[in-house]
Amino acid sequence: MGRRGVTRSEYILRRVLIIFGCILAVIVILAATVKIMIILGRDRLSKNANSEGPSITEEENSQMKTESIYSSDWQDGWVSLDGKVYEYNDRIRTFLVMGIDNAHNQATDPEVVAKTSGGQADGLFLVIINPVDETIRILAVNRNTEVPITMASMGQNDADVIYDGPIAIQHAFGGGGEYSCTLTRDAVSKLIFDMPIHAYMSVGYEAIPKINDAIGGVTLTIPEGMDDLPKINSAWIAGATVTLNGKDSVDFVRKRDTEEFESARKRLARQKLYLTELVKKLRDETKEDITLPISLYSKLKEYIVTDLTVDEMSFLASEYAGFSFDSDGIYTMEGETILKDDGYEHFYPDEEALRALVIRLFYKEVDR
């Protein structure tokens, strides 16, 4: 008796099973690839820190060190604050985000302009991710903070050409690429007692409306005290709830009256408000679509300079999307702004307050 031929329905079923099997295999391969990328990203990030460790020195505190519970086992790297002992939290990961204004250059000498073409970092935000309590905190740095500036390309030995100036201009020396970012990253790290920074990202202001609109705009309520906002947009008054789209998002975080004293500090307050809501929405959107950070980067990479790799972005998106944004929002440094004879404002952080803030953000209490 001859072998029965394959019916059309059987043939179709076999084809469907083969296609389904291929799709399943592709899904398994993709899942494995993503998992590998996440693992590689995690391992690479842990090695990326620019600093060997914090340099907060323990102030003379003989009473703390000689108390019975500490006298026998006081360890290097421990610090004290308000009667408690802390150690550096080495599980923290930090990322410097810089908002770059390429059009803003105060130099007038053509030679200086050519060598400061990187643009100023008008927005400086250190994102601090703490896996211990699963929180995301942000430390905002005043653009006018006085720090030692490395004037790269201004002399035969770049390392020897240093002067004190606003931290925002450090990015200008370096051409706007990775070198500019590295110089700024190191300046921020030194400012906060050599705290390690694991990665950086500089974003041109042109990218803000694109990021903003890609997540459906940013909604916020304008608090009391932002009296500079109605000068930019008459609808931006205290108590108003507004959704920023397109150009409005740029105006909200960028515009300021440079003739007004401490206009940079007032703008920083606006940037804090905007960034708080932006981070919350990005986090929520990433929960729904874990590929969002990578897709945004792919669309906007012409405006971005970063040392984050795709696998590191994959790790960050997968691990930290569920973390909560600190209820205190964005932290700022206490200090004094002085208008000097050069016509510019200079901000000087309160060293004692800064030390306490750094301990709060980067340290954990020693468990006795």
Protein backbone atom coordinates (compact mmCIF):
# COMPACT_ATOMS: atom_id res chain seq x y z
CA MET A 1 0.00 0.00 0.00
CA GLY A 2 1.52 3.36 -0.98
CA ARG A 3 2.45 6.09 1.52
CA ARG A 4 -0.28 8.68 2.00
CA GLY A 5 0.56 12.15 0.65
CA VAL A 6 0.66 15.24 2.85
CA THR A 7 -2.59 17.12 2.84
CA ARG A 8 -2.68 20.87 2.42
CA SER A 9 -3.83 21.39 5.99
CA GLU A 10 -0.97 19.25 7.31
CA TYR A 11 1.50 21.18 5.18
CA ILE A 12 0.22 24.49 6.48
CA LEU A 13 0.39 23.22 10.06
CA ARG A 14 4.01 22.14 9.61
CA ARG A 15 4.93 25.52 8.15
CA VAL A 16 3.24 27.30 11.04
CA LEU A 17 5.11 25.12 13.55
CA ILE A 18 8.43 25.78 11.81
CA ILE A 19 7.80 29.55 11.76
CA PHE A 20 6.69 29.49 15.39
CA GLY A 21 9.81 27.55 16.32
CA CYS A 22 12.01 30.07 14.53
CA ILE A 23 10.29 32.98 16.25
CA LEU A 24 10.67 31.28 19.62
CA ALA A 25 14.37 30.68 18.94
CA VAL A 26 14.86 34.34 18.02
CA ILE A 27 13.10 35.44 21.22
CA VAL A 28 15.30 33.15 23.31
CA ILE A 29 18.44 34.45 21.57
CA LEU A 30 17.36 38.07 22.03
CA ALA A 31 16.51 37.48 25.69
CA ALA A 32 19.88 35.85 26.24
CA THR A 33 21.61 38.72 24.42
CA VAL A 34 19.84 41.32 26.55
CA LYS A 35 20.72 39.39 29.70
CA ILE A 36 24.37 39.21 28.64
CA MET A 37 24.36 42.93 27.84
CA ILE A 38 22.91 43.69 31.28
CA ILE A 39 25.57 41.58 33.02
CA LEU A 40 28.36 43.17 30.97
CA GLY A 41 26.96 46.62 31.66
CA ARG A 42 26.82 45.95 35.40
CA ASP A 43 30.40 44.70 35.51
CA ARG A 44 31.75 47.53 33.37
CA LEU A 45 30.03 50.25 35.38
CA SER A 46 31.58 48.99 38.60
CA LYS A 47 35.03 49.55 37.08
CA ASN A 48 34.37 52.91 35.45
CA ALA A 49 34.78 55.24 38.41
CA ASN A 50 37.17 58.12 37.76
CA SER A 51 38.33 58.27 41.38
CA GLU A 52 39.91 55.68 43.62
CA GLY A 53 37.72 56.82 46.47
CA PRO A 54 36.50 59.76 48.55
CA SER A 55 38.93 62.07 50.27
CA ILE A 56 36.78 63.40 53.09
CA THR A 57 39.22 63.57 55.96
CA GLU A 58 38.15 62.86 59.49
CA GLU A 59 38.23 66.09 61.43
CA GLU A 60 39.92 66.08 64.80
CA ASN A 61 37.37 64.32 66.95
CA SER A 62 39.23 62.59 69.73
CA GLN A 63 36.09 62.07 71.77
CA MET A 64 34.45 60.06 69.00
CA LYS A 65 37.54 57.93 68.37
CA THR A 66 38.19 57.22 72.03
CA GLU A 67 34.65 56.25 73.02
CA SER A 68 34.59 52.64 74.13
CA ILE A 69 32.60 51.36 71.14
CA TYR A 70 35.04 52.84 68.60
CA SER A 71 38.45 53.03 70.28
CA SER A 72 39.48 49.48 69.45
CA ASP A 73 38.35 49.21 65.84
CA TRP A 74 38.24 52.69 64.27
CA GLN A 75 38.86 52.18 60.54
CA ASP A 76 40.42 54.34 57.85
CA GLY A 77 37.74 56.03 55.77
CA TRP A 78 35.25 56.34 58.60
CA VAL A 79 33.92 59.84 59.25
CA SER A 80 31.77 61.30 61.97
CA LEU A 81 28.81 63.64 61.78
CA ASP A 82 26.44 64.73 64.55
CA GLY A 83 27.66 62.05 66.90
CA LYS A 84 27.33 59.20 64.39
CA VAL A 85 29.95 57.30 62.40
CA TYR A 86 29.69 56.72 58.65
CA GLU A 87 31.49 54.79 55.93
CA TYR A 88 31.45 55.29 52.18
CA ASN A 89 28.67 53.38 50.42
CA ASP A 90 30.58 51.66 47.61
CA ARG A 91 27.38 50.28 46.06
CA ILE A 92 26.33 53.76 44.94
CA ARG A 93 26.62 54.58 41.24
CA THR A 94 26.87 58.21 40.15
CA PHE A 95 26.32 59.82 36.74
CA LEU A 96 27.09 63.39 35.75
CA VAL A 97 24.56 65.01 33.39
CA MET A 98 25.60 68.28 31.74
CA GLY A 99 23.37 70.69 29.86
CA ILE A 100 25.58 72.43 27.30
CA ASP A 101 24.99 75.86 25.81
CA ASN A 102 27.28 76.07 22.79
CA ALA A 103 26.10 79.57 21.95
CA HIS A 104 26.99 80.99 25.35
CA ASN A 105 30.63 82.07 25.35
CA GLN A 106 31.74 85.08 27.38
CA ALA A 107 35.22 85.26 25.83
CA THR A 108 35.95 88.07 23.36
CA ASP A 109 39.53 87.34 22.30
CA PRO A 110 39.35 85.32 19.00
CA GLU A 111 42.15 83.02 20.12
CA VAL A 112 40.43 82.30 23.42
CA VAL A 113 37.09 81.75 21.66
CA ALA A 114 38.72 79.17 19.39
CA LYS A 115 40.11 77.32 22.39
CA THR A 116 36.89 77.41 24.41
CA SER A 117 34.61 76.16 21.67
CA GLY A 118 33.23 73.31 23.76
CA GLY A 119 30.41 75.42 25.16
CA GLN A 120 29.60 76.03 28.82
CA ALA A 121 27.93 73.53 31.13
CA ASP A 122 25.02 75.72 32.22
CA GLY A 123 23.34 72.74 33.87
CA LEU A 124 25.31 70.34 36.09
CA PHE A 125 23.47 67.51 37.81
CA LEU A 126 24.93 64.50 39.56
CA VAL A 127 22.50 61.56 39.54
CA ILE A 128 23.13 59.34 42.58
CA ILE A 129 21.64 55.84 42.47
CA ASN A 130 21.64 53.94 45.76
CA PRO A 131 20.77 50.21 45.54
CA VAL A 132 20.78 49.93 49.35
CA ASP A 133 17.57 51.92 49.80
CA GLU A 134 16.57 51.82 46.11
CA THR A 135 16.48 55.59 45.70
CA ILE A 136 17.54 58.08 43.06
CA ARG A 137 18.90 61.39 44.31
CA ILE A 138 20.21 64.35 42.34
CA LEU A 139 22.79 66.90 43.41
CA ALA A 140 22.61 70.17 41.46
CA VAL A 141 25.79 72.22 41.10
CA ASN A 142 25.60 75.99 40.74
CA ARG A 143 27.23 76.92 37.40
CA ASN A 144 29.10 79.78 39.11
CA THR A 145 30.77 77.58 41.72
CA GLU A 146 34.42 78.67 42.02
CA VAL A 147 36.81 75.77 41.29
CA PRO A 148 40.32 75.32 39.83
CA ILE A 149 39.86 75.33 36.03
CA THR A 150 42.19 73.33 33.80
CA MET A 151 42.75 75.56 30.77
CA ALA A 152 43.46 72.84 28.23
CA SER A 153 45.04 73.97 24.95
CA MET A 154 46.00 77.33 26.47
CA GLY A 155 49.61 76.39 27.18
CA GLN A 156 52.35 73.92 26.40
CA ASN A 157 51.52 71.85 29.45
CA ASP A 158 47.76 71.77 30.00
CA ALA A 159 48.10 70.46 33.53
CA ASP A 160 50.08 73.56 34.56
CA VAL A 161 47.58 76.09 33.20
CA ILE A 162 45.13 76.47 36.06
CA TYR A 163 43.06 79.37 37.32
CA ASP A 164 40.06 79.74 39.61
CA GLY A 165 36.79 80.28 37.77
CA PRO A 166 33.15 79.18 37.48
CA ILE A 167 32.80 75.44 37.02
CA ALA A 168 30.51 75.96 33.99
CA ILE A 169 33.40 77.08 31.81
CA GLN A 170 35.51 73.97 32.45
CA HIS A 171 33.59 72.22 29.67
CA ALA A 172 34.56 74.97 27.24
CA PHE A 173 38.19 73.85 27.35
CA GLY A 174 38.31 70.61 25.43
CA GLY A 175 36.49 71.09 22.15
CA GLY A 176 33.08 69.88 23.29
CA GLY A 177 33.82 66.18 23.01
CA GLU A 178 34.94 63.53 25.44
CA TYR A 179 37.83 65.63 26.72
CA SER A 180 35.48 68.45 27.73
CA CYS A 181 33.27 65.97 29.56
CA THR A 182 36.25 64.37 31.30
CA LEU A 183 37.56 67.74 32.47
CA THR A 184 34.15 68.69 33.86
CA ARG A 185 33.59 65.29 35.47
CA ASP A 186 36.92 65.56 37.29
CA ALA A 187 36.18 69.13 38.40
CA VAL A 188 32.85 68.06 39.91
CA SER A 189 34.47 65.04 41.56
CA LYS A 190 37.17 67.20 43.18
CA LEU A 191 34.54 69.68 44.36
CA ILE A 192 32.74 66.94 46.31
CA PHE A 193 35.83 65.45 47.96
CA ASP A 194 36.82 63.10 45.11
CA MET A 195 33.59 61.14 45.13
CA PRO A 196 33.73 58.57 42.29
CA ILE A 197 31.69 59.36 39.16
CA HIS A 198 30.95 56.29 37.07
CA ALA A 199 29.79 57.87 33.81
CA TYR A 200 28.92 61.18 32.18
CA MET A 201 26.50 62.49 29.59
CA SER A 202 26.50 65.95 28.05
CA VAL A 203 23.32 67.03 26.28
CA GLY A 204 23.02 70.05 23.99
CA TYR A 205 20.05 72.27 24.77
CA GLU A 206 18.71 71.50 21.29
CA ALA A 207 17.86 67.99 22.52
CA ILE A 208 15.64 69.11 25.41
CA PRO A 209 12.39 69.62 23.42
CA LYS A 210 12.97 66.34 21.60
CA ILE A 211 13.37 64.39 24.85
CA ASN A 212 10.52 66.35 26.43
CA ASP A 213 8.06 65.70 23.60
CA ALA A 214 9.08 62.05 23.17
CA ILE A 215 7.54 61.30 26.57
CA GLY A 216 4.46 63.43 26.02
CA GLY A 217 5.64 66.63 27.67
CA VAL A 218 6.41 67.45 31.30
CA THR A 219 3.67 68.68 33.65
CA LEU A 220 4.56 70.70 36.74
CA THR A 221 3.09 73.16 39.20
CA ILE A 222 4.90 76.47 39.60
CA PRO A 223 5.64 77.23 43.26
CA GLU A 224 5.80 80.57 45.02
CA GLY A 225 9.01 82.51 44.68
CA MET A 226 9.78 81.98 41.00
CA ASP A 227 9.13 85.63 40.17
CA ASP A 228 11.40 85.52 37.13
CA LEU A 229 9.14 83.11 35.24
CA PRO A 230 6.30 85.53 34.23
CA LYS A 231 8.96 87.62 32.48
CA ILE A 232 9.57 84.63 30.21
CA ASN A 233 5.97 83.51 29.81
CA SER A 234 3.01 85.43 31.25
CA ALA A 235 1.14 82.17 31.94
CA TRP A 236 3.88 80.86 34.22
CA ILE A 237 2.65 82.28 37.51
CA ALA A 238 2.76 80.84 41.01
CA GLY A 239 0.17 78.09 41.48
CA ALA A 240 -0.31 77.41 37.78
CA THR A 241 -0.06 73.81 36.56
CA VAL A 242 1.42 73.73 33.08
CA THR A 243 2.48 71.08 30.59
CA LEU A 244 5.68 72.06 28.82
CA ASN A 245 6.01 71.09 25.19
CA GLY A 246 8.46 71.99 22.44
CA LYS A 247 10.23 75.32 22.79
CA ASP A 248 8.60 76.05 26.14
CA SER A 249 10.64 73.30 27.77
CA VAL A 250 13.87 74.96 26.58
CA ASP A 251 12.76 78.43 27.69
CA PHE A 252 11.82 77.09 31.12
CA VAL A 253 15.27 75.63 31.87
CA ARG A 254 17.51 77.96 29.87
CA LYS A 255 16.39 81.58 29.84
CA ARG A 256 17.52 84.04 32.51
CA ASP A 257 18.16 87.75 32.90
CA THR A 258 21.95 87.94 33.16
CA GLU A 259 21.69 91.50 34.47
CA GLU A 260 19.83 90.29 37.56
CA PHE A 261 21.89 89.28 40.61
CA GLU A 262 21.85 85.52 41.26
CA SER A 263 19.84 84.83 38.11
CA ALA A 264 21.84 81.60 37.77
CA ARG A 265 20.61 80.45 41.19
CA LYS A 266 17.02 81.29 40.28
CA ARG A 267 17.35 79.39 37.01
CA LEU A 268 18.82 76.45 38.89
CA ALA A 269 15.67 76.34 41.01
CA ARG A 270 13.62 76.08 37.80
CA GLN A 271 15.93 73.41 36.43
CA LYS A 272 15.48 71.45 39.68
CA LEU A 273 11.70 71.61 39.34
CA TYR A 274 11.75 70.58 35.69
CA LEU A 275 14.29 67.81 36.16
CA THR A 276 12.40 66.37 39.13
CA GLU A 277 9.28 65.88 37.01
CA LEU A 278 11.26 64.78 33.95
CA VAL A 279 13.07 62.04 35.88
CA LYS A 280 9.81 60.79 37.39
CA LYS A 281 8.16 60.57 33.98
CA LEU A 282 11.17 58.95 32.34
CA ARG A 283 11.25 56.38 35.13
CA ASP A 284 7.54 55.61 34.71
CA GLU A 285 7.82 55.41 30.93
CA THR A 286 10.84 53.11 31.21
CA LYS A 287 8.84 50.76 33.43
CA GLU A 288 6.44 50.39 30.52
CA ASP A 289 9.16 50.19 27.85
CA ILE A 290 12.60 49.15 29.07
CA THR A 291 14.11 50.02 25.68
CA LEU A 292 13.12 53.71 25.97
CA PRO A 293 16.52 55.05 27.14
CA ILE A 294 18.32 53.28 24.30
CA SER A 295 15.80 54.37 21.65
CA LEU A 296 15.98 57.98 22.88
CA TYR A 297 19.76 57.88 22.73
CA SER A 298 19.66 56.46 19.19
CA LYS A 299 17.43 59.31 18.05
CA LEU A 300 19.38 62.05 19.83
CA LYS A 301 22.99 60.87 19.77
CA GLU A 302 24.03 63.79 17.54
CA TYR A 303 23.30 66.06 20.52
CA ILE A 304 24.86 63.78 23.15
CA VAL A 305 28.37 62.91 24.29
CA THR A 306 28.59 60.02 26.76
CA ASP A 307 30.91 57.29 27.88
CA LEU A 308 27.96 54.99 28.61
CA THR A 309 27.79 51.96 26.34
CA VAL A 310 24.59 50.32 25.12
CA ASP A 311 25.01 47.40 27.52
CA GLU A 312 25.49 49.82 30.42
CA MET A 313 22.30 51.64 29.41
CA SER A 314 20.52 48.28 29.28
CA PHE A 315 21.69 47.48 32.81
CA LEU A 316 20.63 50.87 34.15
CA ALA A 317 17.18 50.62 32.56
CA SER A 318 16.58 47.10 33.86
CA GLU A 319 17.93 47.57 37.38
CA TYR A 320 16.89 51.06 38.37
CA ALA A 321 13.56 51.71 36.64
CA GLY A 322 11.72 50.63 39.79
CA PHE A 323 13.72 52.81 42.17
CA SER A 324 11.91 55.68 43.87
CA PHE A 325 12.85 59.33 43.40
CA ASP A 326 14.00 60.80 46.71
CA SER A 327 11.18 62.70 48.42
CA ASP A 328 13.52 65.63 49.04
CA GLY A 329 13.92 65.99 45.28
CA ILE A 330 17.10 67.63 44.10
CA TYR A 331 19.78 68.76 46.53
CA THR A 332 21.72 72.00 46.24
CA MET A 333 24.79 73.36 47.99
CA GLU A 334 24.66 76.05 50.63
CA GLY A 335 26.99 78.97 50.13
CA GLU A 336 27.47 82.60 49.20
CA THR A 337 27.35 84.37 45.83
CA ILE A 338 29.66 87.36 45.41
CA LEU A 339 29.67 89.83 42.51
CA LYS A 340 33.35 90.54 41.88
CA ASP A 341 35.17 93.35 40.11
CA ASP A 342 35.32 91.26 36.93
CA GLY A 343 31.56 91.79 36.61
CA TYR A 344 30.68 88.12 37.15
CA GLU A 345 29.10 86.23 40.02
CA HIS A 346 31.19 83.72 41.95
CA PHE A 347 29.57 81.10 44.19
CA TYR A 348 31.49 79.75 47.19
CA PRO A 349 30.07 76.62 48.85
CA ASP A 350 29.95 76.41 52.63
CA GLU A 351 32.62 73.75 53.24
CA GLU A 352 31.12 72.43 56.47
CA ALA A 353 27.62 72.21 55.01
CA LEU A 354 29.00 70.58 51.82
CA ARG A 355 30.85 67.96 53.86
CA ALA A 356 27.64 67.12 55.74
CA LEU A 357 25.66 66.93 52.48
CA VAL A 358 28.21 64.63 50.84
CA ILE A 359 28.12 62.31 53.86
CA ARG A 360 24.34 62.25 53.69
CA LEU A 361 24.31 61.41 49.99
CA PHE A 362 27.28 59.07 49.61
CA TYR A 363 27.79 57.44 53.01
CA LYS A 364 25.96 54.96 55.21
CA GLU A 365 25.91 54.75 58.97
CA VAL A 366 28.26 52.17 60.48
CA ASP A 367 26.15 49.36 61.88
CA ARG A 368 27.23 48.79 65.47
